[in-house]
Amino acid sequence: MQFFNVTQRLLNPLGYYLHKRYMNSAMSETIRNIQTGDKVSVMRTVTEEDVMNFAKLTNDFNPVHVMGKNKLVHGALLNGFLSGVLGTKLPGPGTLVIEQYINYPKPCYAGDTIEISIEVLSARKIIKCGYKVIVIDSDRIVLEGNGKFIANKIEIQ
């Protein structure tokens, strides 16, 4: 089965490379049967240490993130937490992002406890998911969006 045509190879070379390198049909472990309506939620507290480590990793020391009492969490860090759930829980190991839309309607601050929720909107060759991240104590939506993914067989060693 060919997932990438010539245009996709040119527009998304990293996705094509990863698909060819890690997702061949000879791999032995299959991911579970994903169905429309499947959901997962994960909670975690975003610490000041998380924010500072991310600032160091990305060299993004914008004062809104690293100075003052209310440190604003980087949007890309929230997306990273989302990516962790997408890659380990739903759709799960072997998942490659091929398209993603994200909106950050409200701020998230260091110390907030968040819930990352993902729902499968359709499950075919391309899996479509909707997701949101809310701050638990205020029901404040700090990230919402959707994406398209390829979920493949993987080899567990």
N, C-alpha and C. Protein backbone atom coordinates (compact mmCIF):
# COMPACT_ATOMS: atom_id res chain seq x y z
N MET A 1 0.84 -1.17 0.00
CA MET A 1 0.00 0.00 0.00
C MET A 1 0.89 1.24 0.00
N GLN A 2 0.65 2.16 -0.90
CA GLN A 2 1.47 3.36 -1.04
C GLN A 2 0.77 4.53 -0.35
N PHE A 3 1.37 5.04 0.75
CA PHE A 3 0.79 6.17 1.48
C PHE A 3 1.23 7.50 0.90
N PHE A 4 2.40 7.56 0.32
CA PHE A 4 2.96 8.83 -0.12
C PHE A 4 3.09 8.86 -1.63
N ASN A 5 2.42 9.83 -2.26
CA ASN A 5 2.63 10.03 -3.69
C ASN A 5 3.77 11.03 -3.87
N VAL A 6 4.09 11.36 -5.10
CA VAL A 6 5.23 12.23 -5.38
C VAL A 6 5.05 13.60 -4.74
N THR A 7 3.85 14.17 -4.82
CA THR A 7 3.60 15.49 -4.22
C THR A 7 3.82 15.45 -2.72
N GLN A 8 3.31 14.41 -2.06
CA GLN A 8 3.50 14.31 -0.61
C GLN A 8 4.98 14.17 -0.26
N ARG A 9 5.73 13.46 -1.09
CA ARG A 9 7.16 13.32 -0.83
C ARG A 9 7.86 14.67 -0.88
N LEU A 10 7.44 15.51 -1.80
CA LEU A 10 8.06 16.83 -1.92
C LEU A 10 7.61 17.77 -0.81
N LEU A 11 6.33 17.72 -0.44
CA LEU A 11 5.79 18.64 0.56
C LEU A 11 6.07 18.21 1.99
N ASN A 12 6.22 16.92 2.22
CA ASN A 12 6.43 16.42 3.57
C ASN A 12 7.56 15.38 3.56
N PRO A 13 8.79 15.81 3.27
CA PRO A 13 9.88 14.84 3.15
C PRO A 13 10.18 14.12 4.45
N LEU A 14 10.05 14.78 5.60
CA LEU A 14 10.32 14.11 6.87
C LEU A 14 9.31 13.00 7.11
N GLY A 15 8.03 13.28 6.88
CA GLY A 15 7.00 12.26 7.05
C GLY A 15 7.25 11.07 6.13
N TYR A 16 7.64 11.35 4.89
CA TYR A 16 7.94 10.29 3.94
C TYR A 16 9.12 9.46 4.42
N TYR A 17 10.18 10.12 4.85
CA TYR A 17 11.37 9.43 5.34
C TYR A 17 11.03 8.54 6.54
N LEU A 18 10.31 9.10 7.52
CA LEU A 18 9.96 8.32 8.71
C LEU A 18 9.08 7.14 8.36
N HIS A 19 8.13 7.37 7.44
CA HIS A 19 7.26 6.28 7.02
C HIS A 19 8.08 5.15 6.39
N LYS A 20 8.97 5.49 5.48
CA LYS A 20 9.78 4.47 4.81
C LYS A 20 10.73 3.77 5.78
N ARG A 21 11.30 4.54 6.72
CA ARG A 21 12.29 3.97 7.61
C ARG A 21 11.69 3.07 8.69
N TYR A 22 10.57 3.49 9.26
CA TYR A 22 10.06 2.81 10.45
C TYR A 22 8.76 2.04 10.25
N MET A 23 8.08 2.22 9.16
CA MET A 23 6.75 1.66 9.05
C MET A 23 6.60 0.66 7.91
N ASN A 24 7.54 -0.24 7.75
CA ASN A 24 7.41 -1.20 6.66
C ASN A 24 6.50 -2.35 7.06
N SER A 25 6.00 -3.07 6.08
CA SER A 25 5.00 -4.11 6.32
C SER A 25 5.57 -5.35 7.00
N ALA A 26 6.88 -5.47 7.11
CA ALA A 26 7.47 -6.65 7.75
C ALA A 26 7.48 -6.55 9.27
N MET A 27 7.10 -5.41 9.81
CA MET A 27 7.14 -5.25 11.26
C MET A 27 6.05 -6.09 11.91
N SER A 28 6.32 -6.54 13.13
CA SER A 28 5.52 -7.61 13.70
C SER A 28 4.38 -7.18 14.61
N GLU A 29 4.51 -6.10 15.32
CA GLU A 29 3.50 -5.74 16.32
C GLU A 29 2.51 -4.74 15.73
N THR A 30 1.23 -5.06 15.76
CA THR A 30 0.23 -4.14 15.22
C THR A 30 -0.37 -3.29 16.33
N ILE A 31 -0.74 -2.07 15.99
CA ILE A 31 -1.43 -1.26 16.99
C ILE A 31 -2.87 -1.72 17.06
N ARG A 32 -3.53 -1.38 18.15
CA ARG A 32 -4.89 -1.87 18.37
C ARG A 32 -5.85 -1.36 17.31
N ASN A 33 -7.01 -1.96 17.24
CA ASN A 33 -8.02 -1.58 16.27
C ASN A 33 -8.66 -0.26 16.71
N ILE A 34 -8.36 0.81 16.02
CA ILE A 34 -8.86 2.14 16.36
C ILE A 34 -10.20 2.34 15.67
N GLN A 35 -11.18 2.86 16.44
CA GLN A 35 -12.51 3.07 15.90
C GLN A 35 -12.98 4.49 16.15
N THR A 36 -13.86 4.98 15.29
CA THR A 36 -14.48 6.28 15.48
C THR A 36 -15.15 6.32 16.85
N GLY A 37 -14.92 7.39 17.58
CA GLY A 37 -15.50 7.54 18.92
C GLY A 37 -14.58 7.15 20.05
N ASP A 38 -13.46 6.47 19.74
CA ASP A 38 -12.49 6.15 20.80
C ASP A 38 -12.00 7.44 21.44
N LYS A 39 -11.82 7.41 22.76
CA LYS A 39 -11.39 8.60 23.50
C LYS A 39 -10.33 8.23 24.53
N VAL A 40 -9.51 9.22 24.85
CA VAL A 40 -8.55 9.07 25.94
C VAL A 40 -8.34 10.45 26.57
N SER A 41 -8.12 10.45 27.87
CA SER A 41 -7.80 11.69 28.59
C SER A 41 -6.65 11.42 29.54
N VAL A 42 -5.74 12.37 29.63
CA VAL A 42 -4.58 12.28 30.52
C VAL A 42 -4.46 13.60 31.27
N MET A 43 -4.20 13.53 32.57
CA MET A 43 -4.03 14.74 33.36
C MET A 43 -2.57 14.87 33.80
N ARG A 44 -2.12 16.11 33.94
CA ARG A 44 -0.79 16.39 34.47
C ARG A 44 -0.74 17.84 34.93
N THR A 45 0.17 18.12 35.83
CA THR A 45 0.41 19.48 36.26
C THR A 45 1.62 20.01 35.51
N VAL A 46 1.48 21.20 34.92
CA VAL A 46 2.58 21.83 34.21
C VAL A 46 3.38 22.61 35.25
N THR A 47 4.61 22.21 35.47
CA THR A 47 5.42 22.84 36.51
C THR A 47 6.24 24.00 35.94
N GLU A 48 6.71 24.83 36.84
CA GLU A 48 7.62 25.90 36.45
C GLU A 48 8.90 25.30 35.86
N GLU A 49 9.32 24.16 36.41
CA GLU A 49 10.50 23.47 35.88
C GLU A 49 10.27 23.03 34.42
N ASP A 50 9.06 22.53 34.10
CA ASP A 50 8.73 22.18 32.71
C ASP A 50 8.92 23.38 31.79
N VAL A 51 8.40 24.53 32.22
CA VAL A 51 8.47 25.75 31.41
C VAL A 51 9.92 26.19 31.22
N MET A 52 10.70 26.17 32.30
CA MET A 52 12.09 26.61 32.21
C MET A 52 12.93 25.64 31.37
N ASN A 53 12.70 24.34 31.53
CA ASN A 53 13.43 23.35 30.71
C ASN A 53 13.09 23.52 29.23
N PHE A 54 11.82 23.78 28.93
CA PHE A 54 11.43 24.00 27.54
C PHE A 54 12.07 25.27 26.99
N ALA A 55 12.12 26.32 27.80
CA ALA A 55 12.77 27.57 27.38
C ALA A 55 14.24 27.31 27.05
N LYS A 56 14.91 26.52 27.88
CA LYS A 56 16.32 26.20 27.63
C LYS A 56 16.47 25.37 26.35
N LEU A 57 15.60 24.39 26.18
CA LEU A 57 15.68 23.51 25.02
C LEU A 57 15.47 24.28 23.72
N THR A 58 14.55 25.23 23.72
CA THR A 58 14.19 25.95 22.50
C THR A 58 14.86 27.31 22.38
N ASN A 59 15.54 27.73 23.44
CA ASN A 59 16.14 29.06 23.52
C ASN A 59 15.08 30.17 23.41
N ASP A 60 13.87 29.87 23.90
CA ASP A 60 12.78 30.85 23.91
C ASP A 60 12.63 31.39 25.33
N PHE A 61 13.38 32.44 25.60
CA PHE A 61 13.35 33.07 26.93
C PHE A 61 12.51 34.34 26.92
N ASN A 62 11.45 34.35 26.13
CA ASN A 62 10.52 35.46 26.13
C ASN A 62 10.09 35.71 27.58
N PRO A 63 10.17 36.95 28.06
CA PRO A 63 9.84 37.23 29.46
C PRO A 63 8.46 36.76 29.91
N VAL A 64 7.49 36.67 29.01
CA VAL A 64 6.16 36.19 29.43
C VAL A 64 6.21 34.74 29.89
N HIS A 65 7.23 34.01 29.45
CA HIS A 65 7.37 32.60 29.83
C HIS A 65 8.27 32.39 31.04
N VAL A 66 9.25 33.25 31.24
CA VAL A 66 10.28 32.94 32.24
C VAL A 66 10.40 33.94 33.38
N MET A 67 9.71 35.06 33.31
CA MET A 67 9.84 36.06 34.37
C MET A 67 8.50 36.30 35.05
N GLY A 68 8.56 36.73 36.29
CA GLY A 68 7.35 37.08 37.01
C GLY A 68 6.71 35.89 37.68
N LYS A 69 5.61 36.19 38.36
CA LYS A 69 4.91 35.17 39.15
C LYS A 69 4.10 34.22 38.28
N ASN A 70 3.38 34.76 37.29
CA ASN A 70 2.52 33.94 36.43
C ASN A 70 3.22 33.65 35.11
N LYS A 71 4.01 32.59 35.10
CA LYS A 71 4.74 32.22 33.88
C LYS A 71 3.79 31.56 32.89
N LEU A 72 3.69 32.15 31.71
CA LEU A 72 2.84 31.63 30.65
C LEU A 72 3.50 30.40 30.03
N VAL A 73 2.76 29.31 29.91
CA VAL A 73 3.28 28.08 29.32
C VAL A 73 3.38 28.27 27.80
N HIS A 74 4.51 27.90 27.22
CA HIS A 74 4.69 27.96 25.76
C HIS A 74 3.60 27.11 25.08
N GLY A 75 3.02 27.65 24.02
CA GLY A 75 2.04 26.88 23.26
C GLY A 75 2.65 25.60 22.70
N ALA A 76 3.90 25.69 22.26
CA ALA A 76 4.57 24.51 21.71
C ALA A 76 4.79 23.44 22.78
N LEU A 77 4.93 23.84 24.04
CA LEU A 77 5.05 22.86 25.12
C LEU A 77 3.72 22.13 25.31
N LEU A 78 2.61 22.87 25.28
CA LEU A 78 1.29 22.21 25.35
C LEU A 78 1.12 21.23 24.19
N ASN A 79 1.55 21.65 22.99
CA ASN A 79 1.48 20.76 21.83
C ASN A 79 2.37 19.54 22.03
N GLY A 80 3.50 19.71 22.70
CA GLY A 80 4.37 18.58 23.00
C GLY A 80 3.71 17.58 23.93
N PHE A 81 3.00 18.08 24.95
CA PHE A 81 2.26 17.18 25.84
C PHE A 81 1.20 16.42 25.05
N LEU A 82 0.50 17.13 24.16
CA LEU A 82 -0.50 16.50 23.30
C LEU A 82 0.16 15.42 22.43
N SER A 83 1.30 15.74 21.85
CA SER A 83 2.02 14.79 21.00
C SER A 83 2.38 13.53 21.77
N GLY A 84 2.75 13.70 23.03
CA GLY A 84 3.08 12.54 23.86
C GLY A 84 1.90 11.59 24.02
N VAL A 85 0.70 12.15 24.18
CA VAL A 85 -0.50 11.32 24.33
C VAL A 85 -0.87 10.69 22.98
N LEU A 86 -0.77 11.46 21.90
CA LEU A 86 -1.06 10.92 20.57
C LEU A 86 -0.13 9.76 20.23
N GLY A 87 1.13 9.88 20.59
CA GLY A 87 2.13 8.86 20.23
C GLY A 87 2.19 7.67 21.16
N THR A 88 1.57 7.77 22.34
CA THR A 88 1.64 6.64 23.29
C THR A 88 0.29 6.04 23.64
N LYS A 89 -0.78 6.82 23.50
CA LYS A 89 -2.10 6.34 23.93
C LYS A 89 -3.08 6.18 22.76
N LEU A 90 -3.34 7.27 22.04
CA LEU A 90 -4.34 7.24 20.97
C LEU A 90 -3.98 8.27 19.92
N PRO A 91 -3.74 7.92 18.68
CA PRO A 91 -3.77 6.60 18.09
C PRO A 91 -2.72 5.63 18.64
N GLY A 92 -1.59 6.12 19.17
CA GLY A 92 -0.63 5.24 19.82
C GLY A 92 0.67 5.09 19.07
N PRO A 93 1.51 4.14 19.52
CA PRO A 93 2.83 3.92 18.92
C PRO A 93 2.72 3.67 17.41
N GLY A 94 3.63 4.29 16.67
CA GLY A 94 3.62 4.17 15.22
C GLY A 94 2.90 5.32 14.53
N THR A 95 2.32 6.23 15.30
CA THR A 95 1.56 7.34 14.74
C THR A 95 2.47 8.40 14.13
N LEU A 96 2.13 8.84 12.94
CA LEU A 96 2.81 9.96 12.29
C LEU A 96 1.78 11.05 12.01
N VAL A 97 2.10 12.29 12.34
CA VAL A 97 1.23 13.43 12.05
C VAL A 97 1.42 13.81 10.59
N ILE A 98 0.32 13.95 9.86
CA ILE A 98 0.43 14.43 8.48
C ILE A 98 -0.23 15.80 8.30
N GLU A 99 -1.09 16.18 9.23
CA GLU A 99 -1.70 17.51 9.19
C GLU A 99 -2.21 17.83 10.59
N GLN A 100 -2.07 19.11 10.98
CA GLN A 100 -2.51 19.48 12.31
C GLN A 100 -2.95 20.94 12.34
N TYR A 101 -4.06 21.19 13.02
CA TYR A 101 -4.55 22.54 13.26
C TYR A 101 -4.66 22.72 14.76
N ILE A 102 -4.11 23.81 15.29
CA ILE A 102 -4.14 24.07 16.73
C ILE A 102 -4.48 25.53 16.97
N ASN A 103 -5.32 25.75 17.98
CA ASN A 103 -5.70 27.08 18.42
C ASN A 103 -5.46 27.15 19.93
N TYR A 104 -5.02 28.30 20.41
CA TYR A 104 -4.78 28.51 21.84
C TYR A 104 -5.72 29.61 22.34
N PRO A 105 -6.98 29.27 22.68
CA PRO A 105 -7.96 30.30 23.02
C PRO A 105 -7.71 31.04 24.33
N LYS A 106 -7.13 30.39 25.31
CA LYS A 106 -6.88 31.01 26.63
C LYS A 106 -5.47 30.64 27.09
N PRO A 107 -4.90 31.43 28.00
CA PRO A 107 -3.55 31.12 28.48
C PRO A 107 -3.51 29.97 29.48
N CYS A 108 -2.37 29.32 29.53
CA CYS A 108 -2.07 28.28 30.52
C CYS A 108 -0.85 28.77 31.29
N TYR A 109 -0.86 28.60 32.60
CA TYR A 109 0.23 29.10 33.44
C TYR A 109 0.93 27.95 34.16
N ALA A 110 2.20 28.15 34.45
CA ALA A 110 2.94 27.17 35.25
C ALA A 110 2.17 26.97 36.56
N GLY A 111 2.02 25.72 36.94
CA GLY A 111 1.26 25.37 38.13
C GLY A 111 -0.15 24.88 37.82
N ASP A 112 -0.64 25.13 36.60
CA ASP A 112 -1.98 24.66 36.21
C ASP A 112 -1.96 23.14 36.03
N THR A 113 -3.03 22.50 36.47
CA THR A 113 -3.24 21.08 36.19
C THR A 113 -4.15 21.00 34.98
N ILE A 114 -3.69 20.29 33.96
CA ILE A 114 -4.41 20.23 32.69
C ILE A 114 -4.90 18.82 32.41
N GLU A 115 -5.94 18.75 31.58
CA GLU A 115 -6.43 17.48 31.07
C GLU A 115 -6.33 17.53 29.55
N ILE A 116 -5.63 16.55 28.99
CA ILE A 116 -5.45 16.43 27.55
C ILE A 116 -6.43 15.38 27.07
N SER A 117 -7.38 15.76 26.21
CA SER A 117 -8.42 14.85 25.73
C SER A 117 -8.33 14.71 24.22
N ILE A 118 -8.41 13.47 23.76
CA ILE A 118 -8.35 13.16 22.33
C ILE A 118 -9.54 12.27 21.99
N GLU A 119 -10.16 12.54 20.85
CA GLU A 119 -11.26 11.69 20.37
C GLU A 119 -11.03 11.40 18.89
N VAL A 120 -11.22 10.14 18.51
CA VAL A 120 -11.11 9.75 17.11
C VAL A 120 -12.40 10.16 16.40
N LEU A 121 -12.27 11.00 15.38
CA LEU A 121 -13.42 11.48 14.62
C LEU A 121 -13.74 10.58 13.43
N SER A 122 -12.72 9.99 12.84
CA SER A 122 -12.90 8.98 11.80
C SER A 122 -11.65 8.12 11.75
N ALA A 123 -11.86 6.86 11.44
CA ALA A 123 -10.75 5.90 11.43
C ALA A 123 -10.78 5.10 10.14
N ARG A 124 -9.97 5.55 9.21
CA ARG A 124 -9.77 4.83 7.95
C ARG A 124 -8.27 4.70 7.75
N LYS A 125 -7.80 4.78 6.52
CA LYS A 125 -6.35 4.77 6.30
C LYS A 125 -5.72 5.98 6.98
N ILE A 126 -6.42 7.10 6.92
CA ILE A 126 -6.02 8.31 7.63
C ILE A 126 -6.94 8.42 8.84
N ILE A 127 -6.37 8.58 10.02
CA ILE A 127 -7.15 8.72 11.25
C ILE A 127 -7.28 10.21 11.55
N LYS A 128 -8.52 10.66 11.75
CA LYS A 128 -8.77 12.06 12.11
C LYS A 128 -9.15 12.11 13.58
N CYS A 129 -8.47 13.00 14.31
CA CYS A 129 -8.74 13.16 15.74
C CYS A 129 -9.02 14.62 16.05
N GLY A 130 -9.88 14.84 17.02
CA GLY A 130 -10.08 16.15 17.60
C GLY A 130 -9.50 16.13 18.99
N TYR A 131 -9.01 17.27 19.46
CA TYR A 131 -8.43 17.29 20.79
C TYR A 131 -8.56 18.64 21.45
N LYS A 132 -8.47 18.60 22.77
CA LYS A 132 -8.46 19.84 23.54
C LYS A 132 -7.70 19.62 24.82
N VAL A 133 -7.16 20.71 25.33
CA VAL A 133 -6.47 20.71 26.61
C VAL A 133 -7.18 21.76 27.46
N ILE A 134 -7.64 21.34 28.64
CA ILE A 134 -8.32 22.28 29.53
C ILE A 134 -7.58 22.35 30.86
N VAL A 135 -7.71 23.50 31.52
CA VAL A 135 -7.21 23.64 32.89
C VAL A 135 -8.32 23.12 33.79
N ILE A 136 -8.00 22.13 34.62
CA ILE A 136 -8.99 21.41 35.40
C ILE A 136 -9.83 22.32 36.30
N ASP A 137 -9.19 23.18 37.08
CA ASP A 137 -9.93 23.93 38.10
C ASP A 137 -10.82 25.03 37.54
N SER A 138 -10.63 25.41 36.29
CA SER A 138 -11.43 26.51 35.72
C SER A 138 -12.17 26.12 34.44
N ASP A 139 -11.97 24.91 33.95
CA ASP A 139 -12.52 24.48 32.65
C ASP A 139 -12.11 25.41 31.51
N ARG A 140 -10.99 26.08 31.68
CA ARG A 140 -10.47 27.00 30.67
C ARG A 140 -9.80 26.19 29.55
N ILE A 141 -10.27 26.35 28.32
CA ILE A 141 -9.66 25.65 27.18
C ILE A 141 -8.40 26.41 26.78
N VAL A 142 -7.25 25.73 26.85
CA VAL A 142 -5.97 26.37 26.53
C VAL A 142 -5.37 25.88 25.21
N LEU A 143 -5.91 24.80 24.66
CA LEU A 143 -5.52 24.30 23.35
C LEU A 143 -6.70 23.52 22.81
N GLU A 144 -7.01 23.74 21.55
CA GLU A 144 -8.02 22.92 20.87
C GLU A 144 -7.60 22.77 19.42
N GLY A 145 -8.00 21.68 18.82
CA GLY A 145 -7.61 21.48 17.44
C GLY A 145 -7.98 20.12 16.92
N ASN A 146 -7.41 19.79 15.78
CA ASN A 146 -7.64 18.50 15.15
C ASN A 146 -6.46 18.18 14.27
N GLY A 147 -6.39 16.93 13.88
CA GLY A 147 -5.28 16.51 13.04
C GLY A 147 -5.59 15.25 12.27
N LYS A 148 -4.74 14.97 11.31
CA LYS A 148 -4.81 13.74 10.53
C LYS A 148 -3.52 12.97 10.77
N PHE A 149 -3.67 11.65 10.93
CA PHE A 149 -2.54 10.81 11.32
C PHE A 149 -2.54 9.52 10.53
N ILE A 150 -1.34 8.98 10.37
CA ILE A 150 -1.16 7.62 9.87
C ILE A 150 -0.74 6.80 11.08
N ALA A 151 -1.45 5.72 11.33
CA ALA A 151 -1.08 4.81 12.42
C ALA A 151 -0.67 3.49 11.79
N ASN A 152 0.55 3.07 12.07
CA ASN A 152 1.13 1.92 11.40
C ASN A 152 1.52 0.82 12.37
N LYS A 153 1.91 -0.29 11.79
CA LYS A 153 2.48 -1.38 12.58
C LYS A 153 3.84 -0.93 13.10
N ILE A 154 4.18 -1.41 14.28
CA ILE A 154 5.50 -1.10 14.83
C ILE A 154 6.14 -2.37 15.35
N GLU A 155 7.42 -2.31 15.52
CA GLU A 155 8.15 -3.44 16.09
C GLU A 155 8.52 -3.11 17.52
N ILE A 156 8.10 -3.95 18.45
CA ILE A 156 8.42 -3.78 19.86
C ILE A 156 9.59 -4.69 20.18
N GLN A 157 10.65 -4.13 20.74
CA GLN A 157 11.82 -4.95 21.07
C GLN A 157 12.01 -5.02 22.56
